[in-house]
Protein backbone atom coordinates (compact mmCIF):
# COMPACT_ATOMS: atom_id res chain seq x y z
CA MET A 1 -10.34 -4.20 18.94
CA GLU A 2 -13.75 -4.03 17.75
CA THR A 3 -14.66 -0.75 16.63
CA SER A 4 -18.73 -0.47 15.39
CA ASP A 5 -18.73 2.69 13.24
CA LYS A 6 -16.23 0.61 11.17
CA ILE A 7 -16.50 -1.78 8.14
CA VAL A 8 -13.17 -2.77 8.37
CA ASN A 9 -10.32 -2.21 10.32
CA ILE A 10 -6.98 -4.34 10.39
CA ILE A 11 -4.29 -3.41 13.22
CA ASN A 12 -0.39 -4.32 12.28
CA ALA A 13 -1.51 -7.32 10.59
CA ASN A 14 1.00 -9.46 7.96
CA ILE A 15 -0.56 -10.49 4.94
CA TYR A 16 1.19 -13.54 3.60
CA GLN A 17 0.21 -15.58 0.40
CA ASN A 18 1.83 -19.77 0.32
CA ASP A 19 3.79 -18.78 3.34
CA VAL A 20 5.37 -15.29 1.32
CA LEU A 21 4.85 -12.09 3.11
CA ILE A 22 2.53 -10.14 0.80
CA LEU A 23 2.66 -7.20 2.84
CA GLU A 24 3.67 -5.89 6.59
CA LYS A 25 2.43 -3.94 8.69
CA VAL A 26 -0.98 -2.68 7.69
CA ASN A 27 -3.26 -0.47 9.21
CA PHE A 28 -6.31 0.88 7.48
CA ASP A 29 -9.56 1.12 8.20
CA MET A 30 -13.36 2.00 6.86
CA ALA A 31 -15.33 4.33 8.10
CA LYS A 32 -19.35 3.05 6.84
CA GLY A 33 -20.59 4.44 3.39
CA GLU A 34 -16.98 4.41 2.62
CA LEU A 35 -15.69 4.80 -1.25
CA VAL A 36 -12.49 3.34 -0.82
CA TYR A 37 -9.46 2.76 -3.93
CA LEU A 38 -6.89 -0.13 -3.96
CA ILE A 39 -4.23 0.45 -5.89
CA GLY A 40 -0.82 -1.19 -7.22
CA LYS A 41 1.83 -2.49 -9.55
CA THR A 42 0.62 -5.93 -10.62
CA GLY A 43 1.97 -8.99 -7.76
CA SER A 44 2.34 -5.81 -4.93
CA GLY A 45 -0.82 -7.39 -2.72
CA LYS A 46 -3.76 -5.84 -3.47
CA SER A 47 -6.52 -8.96 -4.66
CA SER A 48 -4.24 -10.54 -1.25
CA LEU A 49 -5.15 -8.36 0.43
CA LEU A 50 -9.01 -8.41 -0.68
CA LYS A 51 -8.35 -11.66 -0.73
CA THR A 52 -7.43 -11.57 3.75
CA LEU A 53 -11.21 -9.21 3.48
CA TYR A 54 -13.33 -12.41 3.12
CA ALA A 55 -10.98 -14.58 4.16
CA ASP A 56 -10.18 -16.42 0.93
CA LEU A 57 -6.96 -16.06 2.65
CA PRO A 58 -6.09 -16.36 6.89
CA LEU A 59 -5.44 -13.55 8.47
CA VAL A 60 -2.48 -15.02 10.87
CA GLU A 61 -1.03 -12.08 11.93
CA GLY A 62 -1.58 -8.86 13.04
CA ARG A 63 -5.66 -7.99 14.06
CA GLY A 64 -8.91 -6.74 11.10
CA PHE A 65 -13.18 -7.19 11.74
CA VAL A 66 -14.68 -6.64 9.07
CA ALA A 67 -18.48 -5.78 9.01
CA ASN A 68 -17.95 -6.75 12.66
CA ILE A 69 -16.39 -10.34 12.32
CA GLU A 70 -13.16 -10.72 13.98
CA LEU A 71 -11.29 -12.61 10.76
CA ASN A 72 -7.93 -13.71 13.26
CA ASN A 73 -8.45 -17.78 13.15
CA ILE A 74 -11.57 -17.46 12.22
CA LYS A 75 -13.75 -20.41 12.18
CA SER A 76 -15.04 -21.84 8.77
CA LYS A 77 -18.49 -21.71 9.85
CA THR A 78 -18.55 -18.40 9.75
CA ILE A 79 -16.91 -17.34 6.86
CA PRO A 80 -20.43 -17.88 5.18
CA LEU A 81 -21.89 -15.73 7.48
CA LEU A 82 -19.16 -13.12 6.92
CA ARG A 83 -19.40 -13.05 3.25
CA ARG A 84 -23.27 -13.26 3.77
CA LYS A 85 -22.33 -9.33 4.91
CA LEU A 86 -20.13 -8.63 2.22
CA GLY A 87 -20.61 -8.32 -1.71
CA ILE A 88 -17.45 -9.61 -4.19
CA ILE A 89 -17.42 -8.65 -7.99
CA PHE A 90 -14.04 -10.03 -9.42
CA GLN A 91 -13.26 -8.59 -13.06
CA ASP A 92 -13.85 -12.27 -14.70
CA PHE A 93 -17.20 -12.54 -14.34
CA GLU A 94 -17.88 -15.64 -13.24
CA LEU A 95 -21.15 -16.48 -14.19
CA LEU A 96 -22.63 -19.79 -14.78
CA ASP A 97 -23.14 -20.36 -18.52
CA ASP A 98 -25.08 -23.34 -19.19
CA ARG A 99 -28.39 -20.81 -16.94
CA ASN A 100 -29.62 -17.57 -17.47
CA ILE A 101 -29.67 -14.72 -15.94
CA GLY A 102 -32.29 -15.19 -13.23
CA GLU A 103 -31.18 -18.58 -12.52
CA ASN A 104 -27.64 -17.54 -11.45
CA LEU A 105 -29.05 -15.11 -9.56
CA SER A 106 -31.68 -17.41 -7.73
CA PHE A 107 -28.68 -19.97 -7.65
CA VAL A 108 -27.69 -17.34 -4.45
CA LEU A 109 -30.19 -16.48 -3.53
CA ARG A 110 -30.98 -20.50 -2.62
CA SER A 111 -27.52 -21.18 -0.80
CA THR A 112 -27.46 -18.49 0.70
CA GLY A 113 -31.05 -19.72 2.15
CA TRP A 114 -33.25 -17.87 0.39
CA LYS A 115 -36.89 -20.20 0.42
CA ASP A 116 -39.63 -18.47 -1.23
CA LYS A 117 -39.79 -18.84 -4.44
CA THR A 118 -41.97 -16.13 -4.23
CA LYS A 119 -39.68 -13.64 -2.59
CA ILE A 120 -36.70 -14.65 -4.69
CA ASN A 121 -38.14 -13.79 -8.20
CA GLN A 122 -39.35 -10.33 -6.06
CA ARG A 123 -35.78 -9.97 -5.00
CA ILE A 124 -33.96 -10.92 -8.85
CA SER A 125 -36.17 -8.02 -10.19
CA GLU A 126 -35.78 -5.64 -7.80
CA ILE A 127 -31.76 -5.70 -8.53
CA LEU A 128 -32.25 -6.40 -12.08
CA MET A 129 -34.22 -3.05 -12.47
CA MET A 130 -31.26 -1.17 -9.54
CA VAL A 131 -28.22 -2.63 -12.16
CA GLY A 132 -30.76 -1.12 -15.30
CA LEU A 133 -31.23 -4.75 -17.01
CA ASP A 134 -35.27 -5.52 -15.55
CA GLY A 135 -36.09 -7.96 -18.26
CA SER A 136 -32.75 -10.04 -18.65
CA ASP A 137 -33.47 -12.27 -16.48
CA LYS A 138 -33.97 -14.95 -19.19
CA ARG A 139 -31.24 -14.00 -21.69
CA TYR A 140 -28.48 -16.32 -21.31
CA PRO A 141 -24.96 -14.56 -20.29
CA PHE A 142 -23.37 -15.35 -23.98
CA GLN A 143 -26.47 -13.20 -24.85
CA LEU A 144 -24.75 -10.36 -23.32
CA SER A 145 -22.26 -7.64 -23.40
CA GLY A 146 -19.36 -6.97 -21.64
CA GLY A 147 -20.83 -4.13 -19.73
CA GLU A 148 -23.97 -5.64 -19.08
CA GLN A 149 -22.51 -9.17 -18.06
CA GLN A 150 -20.78 -7.00 -15.39
CA ARG A 151 -23.60 -4.60 -13.80
CA ILE A 152 -25.29 -8.99 -13.93
CA VAL A 153 -22.15 -9.19 -11.37
CA ILE A 154 -22.82 -6.44 -9.47
CA ALA A 155 -26.37 -7.52 -9.14
CA ARG A 156 -25.35 -10.72 -8.32
CA ALA A 157 -23.19 -9.26 -5.07
CA LEU A 158 -25.65 -6.62 -4.37
CA LEU A 159 -28.80 -9.56 -3.87
CA ASN A 160 -28.08 -10.17 -0.13
CA GLU A 161 -27.90 -6.09 0.24
CA PRO A 162 -24.27 -6.30 1.66
CA GLN A 163 -22.84 -3.69 4.22
CA LEU A 164 -18.97 -4.01 1.73
CA LEU A 165 -18.17 -4.38 -1.54
CA ILE A 166 -15.53 -5.41 -2.67
CA ALA A 167 -14.49 -5.34 -6.01
CA ASP A 168 -10.85 -6.78 -8.04
CA GLU A 169 -10.65 -4.75 -11.11
CA PRO A 170 -14.16 -4.37 -11.71
CA THR A 171 -13.94 -2.15 -14.99
CA GLY A 172 -10.57 -4.14 -16.18
CA ASN A 173 -11.57 -6.38 -19.24
CA LEU A 174 -14.27 -3.17 -20.27
CA ASP A 175 -13.73 -0.29 -22.36
CA PRO A 176 -13.72 3.30 -21.57
CA PHE A 177 -16.99 4.25 -22.42
CA VAL A 178 -18.32 0.50 -20.28
CA ALA A 179 -16.44 1.42 -17.38
CA ASP A 180 -17.65 5.13 -17.06
CA GLU A 181 -21.01 3.77 -17.05
CA ILE A 182 -20.20 0.84 -13.97
CA MET A 183 -18.36 3.83 -12.66
CA LYS A 184 -22.13 5.72 -12.16
CA LEU A 185 -23.69 2.80 -10.47
CA PHE A 186 -21.17 1.95 -8.32
CA MET A 187 -21.69 5.37 -7.46
CA LYS A 188 -25.07 5.04 -7.25
CA ILE A 189 -24.61 2.42 -4.81
CA ASN A 190 -22.30 3.68 -2.68
CA LYS A 191 -24.49 7.09 -1.94
CA MET A 192 -27.58 4.26 -0.69
CA GLY A 193 -24.78 4.21 2.20
CA THR A 194 -22.90 0.43 0.68
CA SER A 195 -19.42 1.17 1.48
CA ILE A 196 -17.24 -0.27 -1.20
CA ILE A 197 -13.24 -1.14 -1.42
CA MET A 198 -11.56 -1.38 -4.94
CA ALA A 199 -8.99 -1.89 -6.48
CA THR A 200 -8.00 -0.70 -10.07
CA HIS A 201 -5.30 -0.32 -12.78
CA ASN A 202 -7.37 2.64 -13.77
CA TYR A 203 -6.17 5.68 -13.09
CA SER A 204 -8.86 8.08 -15.27
CA ILE A 205 -11.15 6.39 -12.93
CA ILE A 206 -10.48 7.86 -9.80
CA LYS A 207 -9.19 10.94 -11.11
CA ASP A 208 -13.66 11.88 -12.63
CA TYR A 209 -14.29 9.63 -9.31
CA PRO A 210 -12.04 11.15 -6.47
CA ALA A 211 -12.17 9.27 -3.43
CA ARG A 212 -9.65 7.58 -0.57
CA VAL A 213 -6.64 5.74 -2.09
CA LEU A 214 -4.75 3.07 -1.16
CA LYS A 215 -1.59 2.12 -2.76
CA CYS A 216 0.67 -0.94 -2.31
CA GLU A 217 4.32 -0.73 -2.57
CA ASN A 218 7.26 -2.64 -1.22
CA ARG A 219 5.65 -4.74 0.61
CA THR A 220 3.74 -1.55 2.36
CA LEU A 221 0.84 -0.10 2.38
CA PHE A 222 -0.18 3.70 2.37
CA ASP A 223 -2.98 5.42 2.49
CA GLU A 224 -2.44 8.89 0.53
CA GLU A 225 -4.63 10.59 2.09
CA LYS A 226 -2.66 10.67 5.03
CA GLU A 227 0.95 10.60 3.33
CA LYS A 228 -0.08 13.88 2.00
CA HIS A 229 -1.51 15.52 5.41
CA GLU A 230 1.52 14.45 6.69
CA LEU A 231 3.93 16.54 3.69
CA LEU A 232 1.93 18.93 4.37
CA PHE A 233 1.78 19.50 7.36
CA LYS A 234 6.38 18.55 8.21
CA PRO A 235 7.97 21.95 7.82
CA PHE A 236 6.07 23.08 10.82
CA LEU A 237 6.48 20.13 13.17
């Protein structure tokens, strides 16, 4: 059942991609304000699980709630409501190259119901300052470095003050120094109260910025902290 203190609650879910079972009997939840890493080999189900959380893949077996919205048989008119509560960050930046940064961000705000031009410009200014790129609204994506483009992608995801950030390999195309700077930004966002679930192959990030780890392997989702706890106390059971 839905729990208001959880940002994510998945119960006995089977995750499918094109009718192929990718993950089975998935059970996990996230507390509000929590940071969770999602790891696993390519093809292990990380992206499929994330797509299920933002209703890009349907949840047809098991139950799931994200930001207090039920995923099972979610109606098409409810999906925009769900996604307004989420910020989604991809490895490929997916910025609109024919528009400057301000226009990229304004497009998102207008698409989600913002109409007042003054408030739109104020929000864009606030969010660019938050990610350390204030004054960049007139620049085009091709004029930015990879790290700067990823900051803009993060800014775009934060525009509507999401309850949960879903990040799929957000540092995958960045060099180690830039990746570290991006992680510092994620830590800042998390400390401000935004929940984050991040798929990553970068184990140095997990070492430098430790948090709970979920692992996709053999069609199963493992909670590494829970596994360690059970192993530690198993001799005493």
